[in-house]
Amino acid sequence: MQRLPKIVRVLAVISFTLVVVLFAALIVNSFQNAGKPLTTLTPQGPSSESIQKLLVPVTSIAAVVFVGVLGAALLISWKFRERKDSDPDEFPEQVHGKTALEIGWTILPALILAGIAVGTVMTLINLNREEPNSINVQVAGQQWWWQYKYDVNNDGNFDGPEDITTATEMVIPAGRPIQVTTTSNDVIHSFWIPGLNGKRDAVPGLRNPLKLQADEPGIFRGQCTEFCGLSHANMRMLVRAVSTSDYDAWVKNQLKDHAADPTDPTALAGKKVWQALCAQCHVIDGINDVKMKETKPPLVSGVAPDLTHLMTRGTFAGSIFNLYEPVGSDGSPLPMGDVAAAGDPGAALTGGKVNTATVNRVTLEAWLRNAPALKPMYPQGGRGMPNLNLTEEQIDQLVAFLETLN
């Protein structure tokens, strides 16, 4: 048997070294989480921390096994490689049977798997344990946005007069457990906020539990992880954790109906445009909520985002666009397109005055002008918002009216 040419062997060594270096660089880079809002490696709540405590040892064991097996294979390949003085007709010494070794490599993997199984079961029990004093929220997916219903009075009903229905963003108090129930109004979706917990499918007709809790106030991004049609990639979610006092003020404001007619003539005209063109799908409590309980929107899901308190949210259109200018942790403004940071509603979050100077009018107007051009949808099939062919005057009027919805 002829030896491989020296140049081939040198290239093989270089290639192997390059693969090892690139693999190591990939591993190191995977732990660089700055600017990665969907990373699972920076847990920010008890549930995600519980998952991390299981993931780290399991991954470490897998890494040791990987290195051990691959290292042994490489060592054997090197030690018993063909040499210059090798006799091609010589048959290597045959070794058969090593009882102690065979027992060892049977028992050791069994013990490792048993340990992983125990840790996994304990983690699952912890993740599914209901916490006292939880806030109950029903999360419903539909193409291509999320609806949130709060059982404020804890009577088991999410549609009572004392309950809250909102969209796009889930507002929660930091440090308090949230008992989520996922479902869907059309096709299968999957709810996933990696900073707070793992994913949970949202299935029509089913109710799946999920526990969330944020350690500190902040923005926690998520993404639908079950392919659900044209805008699956644009079906995002956002959890906004706030202080307990801000959450209580938010709840109090969300329970209010739409305020009296706006005094601004442009906004008042915008309300009339909204009633004529938008009210057949969207709901604003105090305007058309009673009617919409009797008449379902002409959509496959049978529901469109509730706009009663639109301006208390920082994002819109399934949380893919900022409704306000986002700000950094130091309070300084960030680029309007930095959706990962999320728009900051400021005082409007709890019902205060809307700062119209920070409203993202450019994108909001573009959305009203032609929503399907910004987000792939199928409105002719009852899936998503259609192009209403609004005039520029109607768009200005609608924006003025929407800015009063806090």
Protein backbone atom coordinates (compact mmCIF):
# COMPACT_ATOMS: atom_id res chain seq x y z
CA MET A 1 0.00 0.00 0.00
CA GLN A 2 1.48 3.35 -1.02
CA ARG A 3 1.74 6.28 1.38
CA LEU A 4 -0.05 9.49 0.54
CA PRO A 5 2.18 12.19 -0.96
CA LYS A 6 3.72 14.54 1.60
CA ILE A 7 1.88 17.58 0.22
CA VAL A 8 -1.45 15.80 0.69
CA ARG A 9 -0.61 14.93 4.30
CA VAL A 10 0.47 18.51 5.01
CA LEU A 11 -2.75 19.88 3.53
CA ALA A 12 -4.75 17.41 5.60
CA VAL A 13 -3.08 18.61 8.81
CA ILE A 14 -3.63 22.26 7.87
CA SER A 15 -7.28 21.59 7.02
CA PHE A 16 -7.87 19.78 10.30
CA THR A 17 -6.21 22.58 12.27
CA LEU A 18 -8.31 25.17 10.45
CA VAL A 19 -11.52 23.27 11.22
CA VAL A 20 -10.60 23.06 14.93
CA VAL A 21 -9.80 26.79 15.09
CA LEU A 22 -13.03 27.76 13.30
CA PHE A 23 -15.06 25.46 15.55
CA ALA A 24 -13.48 27.00 18.66
CA ALA A 25 -14.15 30.51 17.31
CA LEU A 26 -17.78 29.56 16.66
CA ILE A 27 -18.19 28.31 20.23
CA VAL A 28 -16.63 31.47 21.69
CA ASN A 29 -18.74 33.73 19.46
CA SER A 30 -21.94 31.95 20.48
CA PHE A 31 -21.44 33.27 24.02
CA GLN A 32 -21.15 36.89 22.86
CA ASN A 33 -24.72 38.04 23.52
CA ALA A 34 -24.50 41.81 23.06
CA GLY A 35 -27.12 42.98 20.57
CA LYS A 36 -28.79 39.55 20.44
CA PRO A 37 -32.26 39.99 21.99
CA LEU A 38 -33.27 36.39 21.23
CA THR A 39 -30.33 34.68 22.91
CA THR A 40 -31.08 31.82 25.30
CA LEU A 41 -27.72 32.18 27.06
CA THR A 42 -28.58 35.18 29.25
CA PRO A 43 -31.48 34.06 31.48
CA GLN A 44 -33.34 36.94 33.12
CA GLY A 45 -35.98 35.12 35.12
CA PRO A 46 -36.36 32.08 37.42
CA SER A 47 -37.72 29.79 34.67
CA SER A 48 -34.98 30.59 32.16
CA GLU A 49 -32.38 30.29 34.92
CA SER A 50 -33.74 26.83 35.75
CA ILE A 51 -33.32 25.82 32.10
CA GLN A 52 -29.79 27.26 32.08
CA LYS A 53 -28.83 25.26 35.18
CA LEU A 54 -29.80 22.10 33.30
CA LEU A 55 -28.31 23.15 29.98
CA VAL A 56 -24.80 23.97 31.25
CA PRO A 57 -23.98 20.58 32.85
CA VAL A 58 -25.65 18.59 30.05
CA THR A 59 -23.74 20.55 27.40
CA SER A 60 -20.51 20.19 29.39
CA ILE A 61 -20.96 16.42 29.63
CA ALA A 62 -21.74 16.25 25.91
CA ALA A 63 -18.60 18.29 25.17
CA VAL A 64 -16.43 15.95 27.27
CA VAL A 65 -17.91 12.90 25.52
CA PHE A 66 -17.43 14.54 22.12
CA VAL A 67 -13.80 15.43 22.80
CA GLY A 68 -13.11 12.02 24.36
CA VAL A 69 -14.59 9.99 21.52
CA LEU A 70 -13.10 12.15 18.77
CA GLY A 71 -9.76 12.30 20.57
CA ALA A 72 -9.66 8.53 20.97
CA ALA A 73 -10.50 8.04 17.30
CA LEU A 74 -7.75 10.46 16.24
CA LEU A 75 -5.24 8.90 18.65
CA ILE A 76 -5.95 5.40 17.36
CA SER A 77 -5.75 6.60 13.76
CA TRP A 78 -2.39 8.25 14.45
CA LYS A 79 -0.88 5.48 16.57
CA PHE A 80 -1.75 2.71 14.16
CA ARG A 81 -1.17 4.65 10.96
CA GLU A 82 0.78 3.12 8.10
CA ARG A 83 4.53 3.64 8.45
CA LYS A 84 7.39 3.57 5.96
CA ASP A 85 8.65 0.20 7.17
CA SER A 86 5.17 -1.34 7.42
CA ASP A 87 4.70 -4.72 5.80
CA PRO A 88 1.47 -4.54 3.76
CA ASP A 89 1.06 -8.30 4.19
CA GLU A 90 1.45 -8.25 7.97
CA PHE A 91 -1.82 -8.70 9.86
CA PRO A 92 -2.05 -6.66 13.12
CA GLU A 93 -2.30 -8.51 16.42
CA GLN A 94 -5.93 -9.26 17.20
CA VAL A 95 -7.20 -8.41 20.68
CA HIS A 96 -10.56 -9.73 21.84
CA GLY A 97 -12.39 -9.22 25.11
CA LYS A 98 -11.69 -6.87 28.02
CA THR A 99 -14.37 -7.57 30.61
CA ALA A 100 -13.59 -4.69 32.98
CA LEU A 101 -13.49 -2.18 30.11
CA GLU A 102 -16.74 -3.46 28.61
CA ILE A 103 -18.53 -3.26 31.96
CA GLY A 104 -17.12 0.23 32.49
CA TRP A 105 -18.27 1.67 29.19
CA THR A 106 -21.72 0.18 29.78
CA ILE A 107 -22.22 1.43 33.34
CA LEU A 108 -20.69 4.91 32.90
CA PRO A 109 -23.03 6.04 30.07
CA ALA A 110 -25.99 4.57 31.98
CA LEU A 111 -25.08 6.60 35.07
CA ILE A 112 -24.59 9.76 33.00
CA LEU A 113 -27.97 9.34 31.29
CA ALA A 114 -29.66 8.58 34.62
CA GLY A 115 -28.23 11.77 36.10
CA ILE A 116 -29.40 13.81 33.10
CA ALA A 117 -32.85 12.21 33.33
CA VAL A 118 -33.20 13.11 37.02
CA GLY A 119 -32.09 16.69 36.38
CA THR A 120 -34.49 16.99 33.43
CA VAL A 121 -37.49 15.71 35.38
CA MET A 122 -36.74 18.02 38.32
CA THR A 123 -36.44 20.97 35.94
CA LEU A 124 -39.76 20.13 34.25
CA ILE A 125 -41.50 19.86 37.63
CA ASN A 126 -40.13 23.25 38.62
CA LEU A 127 -41.12 24.85 35.30
CA ASN A 128 -44.69 23.54 35.54
CA ARG A 129 -45.28 24.35 39.21
CA GLU A 130 -47.90 27.08 39.62
CA GLU A 131 -46.78 29.92 41.85
CA PRO A 132 -49.01 31.65 44.40
CA ASN A 133 -50.00 35.25 43.68
CA SER A 134 -49.56 34.72 39.94
CA ILE A 135 -51.08 37.04 37.35
CA ASN A 136 -53.13 35.02 34.86
CA VAL A 137 -52.73 35.99 31.20
CA GLN A 138 -54.18 34.25 28.17
CA VAL A 139 -51.95 34.61 25.11
CA ALA A 140 -53.65 33.99 21.76
CA GLY A 141 -51.78 33.82 18.47
CA GLN A 142 -53.26 34.72 15.10
CA GLN A 143 -51.73 35.61 11.76
CA TRP A 144 -49.52 37.55 12.45
CA TRP A 145 -49.72 39.14 15.91
CA TRP A 146 -50.42 38.25 19.55
CA GLN A 147 -53.38 39.09 21.76
CA TYR A 148 -53.13 39.27 25.57
CA LYS A 149 -56.05 38.91 27.97
CA TYR A 150 -55.61 39.53 31.71
CA ASP A 151 -57.88 37.88 34.27
CA VAL A 152 -57.69 40.88 36.59
CA ASN A 153 -60.21 39.64 39.17
CA ASN A 154 -58.98 36.01 39.04
CA ASP A 155 -62.42 34.55 38.38
CA GLY A 156 -61.16 32.20 35.65
CA ASN A 157 -62.80 34.29 32.91
CA PHE A 158 -60.66 36.45 30.61
CA ASP A 159 -63.56 38.28 28.94
CA GLY A 160 -65.32 39.90 31.89
CA PRO A 161 -65.90 43.65 32.28
CA GLU A 162 -63.15 43.79 34.91
CA ASP A 163 -60.59 42.11 32.64
CA ILE A 164 -58.11 43.55 30.13
CA THR A 165 -57.69 42.79 26.43
CA THR A 166 -54.68 44.24 24.65
CA ALA A 167 -52.32 43.38 21.79
CA THR A 168 -48.70 43.33 20.62
CA GLU A 169 -47.07 43.82 24.04
CA MET A 170 -47.47 42.00 27.35
CA VAL A 171 -46.91 44.32 30.31
CA ILE A 172 -45.91 42.60 33.57
CA PRO A 173 -44.57 43.66 36.97
CA ALA A 174 -40.94 42.69 37.57
CA GLY A 175 -40.43 40.12 40.31
CA ARG A 176 -43.94 38.64 40.15
CA PRO A 177 -44.84 35.30 38.50
CA ILE A 178 -47.08 35.31 35.43
CA GLN A 179 -49.15 32.22 34.67
CA VAL A 180 -49.58 32.23 30.90
CA THR A 181 -52.07 30.11 28.98
CA THR A 182 -51.34 29.87 25.24
CA THR A 183 -53.89 29.22 22.52
CA SER A 184 -54.58 30.21 18.91
CA ASN A 185 -57.44 31.66 16.89
CA ASP A 186 -56.39 30.25 13.51
CA VAL A 187 -53.33 28.04 12.90
CA ILE A 188 -50.63 26.64 15.17
CA HIS A 189 -48.16 29.22 16.50
CA SER A 190 -45.48 29.01 19.19
CA PHE A 191 -44.89 31.55 21.96
CA TRP A 192 -41.23 32.06 22.90
CA ILE A 193 -39.57 34.67 25.12
CA PRO A 194 -36.07 33.16 25.47
CA GLY A 195 -34.96 35.52 28.23
CA LEU A 196 -37.82 34.36 30.47
CA ASN A 197 -38.63 30.73 29.54
CA GLY A 198 -38.67 28.17 26.76
CA LYS A 199 -41.24 27.98 23.97
CA ARG A 200 -44.83 26.77 24.18
CA ASP A 201 -47.09 25.95 21.22
CA ALA A 202 -50.29 27.94 20.73
CA VAL A 203 -52.79 25.48 19.28
CA PRO A 204 -56.42 26.17 18.27
CA GLY A 205 -58.80 24.67 20.82
CA LEU A 206 -56.05 23.83 23.35
CA ARG A 207 -54.81 25.65 26.45
CA ASN A 208 -51.11 25.18 27.23
CA PRO A 209 -49.56 26.56 30.45
CA LEU A 210 -46.32 28.54 30.63
CA LYS A 211 -44.73 30.38 33.54
CA LEU A 212 -42.91 33.71 33.12
CA GLN A 213 -41.20 36.04 35.55
CA ALA A 214 -38.72 38.86 34.97
CA ASP A 215 -36.11 39.56 37.63
CA GLU A 216 -35.79 43.23 36.71
CA PRO A 217 -37.70 45.81 34.64
CA GLY A 218 -36.79 45.70 30.96
CA ILE A 219 -37.72 44.69 27.43
CA PHE A 220 -37.83 40.99 26.55
CA ARG A 221 -38.14 40.06 22.89
CA GLY A 222 -39.66 36.93 21.39
CA GLN A 223 -40.49 35.30 18.08
CA CYS A 224 -43.11 32.85 16.84
CA THR A 225 -41.25 29.56 16.32
CA GLU A 226 -43.91 27.55 14.48
CA PHE A 227 -44.19 28.32 10.76
CA CYS A 228 -47.57 29.97 10.32
CA GLY A 229 -47.68 31.49 6.85
CA LEU A 230 -46.50 34.54 4.92
CA SER A 231 -45.36 36.71 7.83
CA HIS A 232 -44.18 34.04 10.22
CA ALA A 233 -40.81 35.81 10.48
CA ASN A 234 -42.64 39.06 11.28
CA MET A 235 -44.78 37.58 14.06
CA ARG A 236 -42.84 38.86 17.02
CA MET A 237 -43.71 39.37 20.65
CA LEU A 238 -42.60 41.71 23.38
CA VAL A 239 -42.80 41.53 27.17
CA ARG A 240 -42.39 44.87 28.92
CA ALA A 241 -41.50 44.37 32.60
CA VAL A 242 -42.13 47.45 34.75
CA SER A 243 -42.15 48.35 38.42
CA THR A 244 -45.10 47.24 40.57
CA SER A 245 -46.38 50.81 40.88
CA ASP A 246 -46.23 51.36 37.11
CA TYR A 247 -47.98 48.04 36.52
CA ASP A 248 -50.80 48.95 38.91
CA ALA A 249 -51.20 52.30 37.16
CA TRP A 250 -51.15 50.55 33.77
CA VAL A 251 -53.92 48.15 34.85
CA LYS A 252 -56.04 51.01 36.18
CA ASN A 253 -55.70 52.89 32.89
CA GLN A 254 -56.33 49.82 30.70
CA LEU A 255 -59.69 49.28 32.41
CA LYS A 256 -60.89 52.67 31.21
CA ASP A 257 -62.92 53.12 28.03
CA HIS A 258 -61.95 55.51 25.26
CA ALA A 259 -62.05 59.11 26.43
CA ALA A 260 -64.54 61.67 25.17
CA ASP A 261 -64.37 62.94 21.61
CA PRO A 262 -61.09 64.73 20.86
CA THR A 263 -61.23 68.51 20.78
CA ASP A 264 -58.77 68.81 17.91
CA PRO A 265 -60.73 69.08 14.62
CA THR A 266 -58.22 66.89 12.75
CA ALA A 267 -58.41 64.16 15.39
CA LEU A 268 -62.21 64.37 15.44
CA ALA A 269 -62.26 63.93 11.66
CA GLY A 270 -59.89 61.00 12.12
CA LYS A 271 -62.33 59.36 14.51
CA LYS A 272 -65.03 59.53 11.83
CA VAL A 273 -62.65 57.99 9.29
CA TRP A 274 -61.82 55.23 11.77
CA GLN A 275 -65.50 54.49 12.40
CA ALA A 276 -66.19 54.34 8.67
CA LEU A 277 -63.21 52.23 7.55
CA CYS A 278 -61.54 50.54 10.53
CA ALA A 279 -64.32 49.73 12.99
CA GLN A 280 -65.46 46.59 11.18
CA CYS A 281 -62.29 44.82 12.39
CA HIS A 282 -60.66 46.77 15.23
CA VAL A 283 -62.19 47.52 18.63
CA ILE A 284 -62.05 50.65 20.77
CA ASP A 285 -63.89 50.26 24.07
CA GLY A 286 -66.50 52.95 24.41
CA ILE A 287 -66.96 53.27 20.64
CA ASN A 288 -67.76 49.91 19.04
CA ASP A 289 -67.00 47.25 21.68
CA VAL A 290 -70.66 46.32 22.22
CA LYS A 291 -71.28 45.93 18.50
CA MET A 292 -68.13 43.85 17.96
CA LYS A 293 -69.22 41.34 20.60
CA GLU A 294 -72.14 40.52 18.34
CA THR A 295 -70.40 40.85 14.96
CA LYS A 296 -67.09 39.11 14.28
CA PRO A 297 -64.53 40.79 11.99
CA PRO A 298 -64.28 39.35 8.44
CA LEU A 299 -61.02 37.60 9.32
CA VAL A 300 -60.06 33.93 9.55
CA SER A 301 -59.05 34.45 13.19
CA GLY A 302 -62.20 36.45 13.95
CA VAL A 303 -60.22 39.12 15.79
CA ALA A 304 -58.04 42.17 15.07
CA PRO A 305 -55.78 44.12 17.48
CA ASP A 306 -57.66 46.08 20.15
CA LEU A 307 -56.78 49.77 19.73
CA THR A 308 -58.41 51.20 22.88
CA HIS A 309 -55.04 52.08 24.41
CA LEU A 310 -52.81 51.90 21.33
CA MET A 311 -50.47 54.69 22.44
CA THR A 312 -49.58 52.93 25.70
CA ARG A 313 -47.55 50.49 23.58
CA GLY A 314 -44.06 51.07 22.25
CA THR A 315 -44.45 48.98 19.08
CA PHE A 316 -47.12 48.06 16.54
CA ALA A 317 -47.83 45.78 13.54
CA GLY A 318 -46.98 42.61 15.43
CA SER A 319 -44.14 44.42 17.24
CA ILE A 320 -42.01 44.80 14.10
CA PHE A 321 -42.11 48.62 14.08
CA ASN A 322 -41.50 51.15 16.82
CA LEU A 323 -44.48 53.33 17.65
CA TYR A 324 -42.22 55.73 19.54
CA GLU A 325 -38.58 56.66 19.49
CA PRO A 326 -36.64 54.05 21.52
CA VAL A 327 -34.29 55.11 24.31
CA GLY A 328 -31.23 53.46 25.81
CA SER A 329 -30.69 52.42 29.43
CA ASP A 330 -29.26 55.88 30.12
CA GLY A 331 -32.35 57.60 28.71
CA SER A 332 -30.65 58.78 25.52
CA PRO A 333 -32.60 58.39 22.24
CA LEU A 334 -31.73 55.52 19.91
CA PRO A 335 -32.30 55.21 16.14
CA MET A 336 -35.99 54.81 15.31
CA GLY A 337 -35.24 51.58 13.45
CA ASP A 338 -33.70 49.92 16.52
CA VAL A 339 -36.68 47.65 17.16
CA ALA A 340 -34.66 45.46 19.55
CA ALA A 341 -34.64 48.36 22.00
CA ALA A 342 -38.42 48.92 21.53
CA GLY A 343 -40.17 52.26 21.37
CA ASP A 344 -40.62 54.05 24.68
CA PRO A 345 -44.18 55.29 25.35
CA GLY A 346 -42.98 57.21 28.40
CA ALA A 347 -45.80 58.62 30.53
CA ALA A 348 -48.36 57.35 28.01
CA LEU A 349 -47.71 53.78 29.24
CA THR A 350 -49.79 54.46 32.34
CA GLY A 351 -52.28 56.83 30.71
CA GLY A 352 -50.21 60.01 30.82
CA LYS A 353 -49.83 62.50 27.99
CA VAL A 354 -48.64 61.20 24.63
CA ASN A 355 -45.39 62.85 23.56
CA THR A 356 -46.26 63.38 19.90
CA ALA A 357 -42.71 64.61 19.21
CA THR A 358 -41.39 61.06 19.71
CA VAL A 359 -44.16 59.25 17.79
CA ASN A 360 -42.89 57.36 14.74
CA ARG A 361 -45.20 59.16 12.31
CA VAL A 362 -43.24 58.17 9.21
CA THR A 363 -43.74 54.42 9.68
CA LEU A 364 -47.22 54.78 11.15
CA GLU A 365 -48.35 56.78 8.12
CA ALA A 366 -46.68 54.29 5.76
CA TRP A 367 -48.56 51.47 7.50
CA LEU A 368 -51.89 53.24 7.07
CA ARG A 369 -51.02 54.07 3.47
CA ASN A 370 -50.33 50.45 2.45
CA ALA A 371 -49.87 47.89 5.23
CA PRO A 372 -49.27 44.85 2.96
CA ALA A 373 -46.30 46.67 1.40
CA LEU A 374 -44.58 46.73 4.81
CA LYS A 375 -45.58 43.29 6.05
CA PRO A 376 -46.48 40.35 3.78
CA MET A 377 -50.15 39.46 4.37
CA TYR A 378 -53.12 37.93 2.56
CA PRO A 379 -55.99 40.35 3.29
CA GLN A 380 -58.09 39.14 0.36
CA GLY A 381 -58.23 35.81 2.17
CA GLY A 382 -59.07 37.33 5.55
CA ARG A 383 -55.50 37.19 6.85
CA GLY A 384 -54.07 40.59 7.70
CA MET A 385 -54.79 44.26 7.14
CA PRO A 386 -55.74 45.39 3.61
CA ASN A 387 -54.74 48.51 1.72
CA LEU A 388 -57.67 50.86 2.41
CA ASN A 389 -56.58 53.30 -0.32
CA LEU A 390 -56.66 56.22 2.10
CA THR A 391 -56.00 59.75 0.95
CA GLU A 392 -53.13 61.68 2.51
CA GLU A 393 -55.67 63.85 4.30
CA GLN A 394 -57.37 60.79 5.79
CA ILE A 395 -54.00 59.42 6.91
CA ASP A 396 -53.17 62.67 8.72
CA GLN A 397 -56.59 62.64 10.35
CA LEU A 398 -56.26 59.01 11.44
CA VAL A 399 -52.81 59.58 12.95
CA ALA A 400 -54.14 62.57 14.89
CA PHE A 401 -56.97 60.40 16.24
CA LEU A 402 -54.75 57.41 17.05
CA GLU A 403 -52.47 59.69 19.07
CA THR A 404 -55.39 60.27 21.47
CA LEU A 405 -55.74 56.54 22.27
CA ASN A 406 -53.88 56.34 25.55
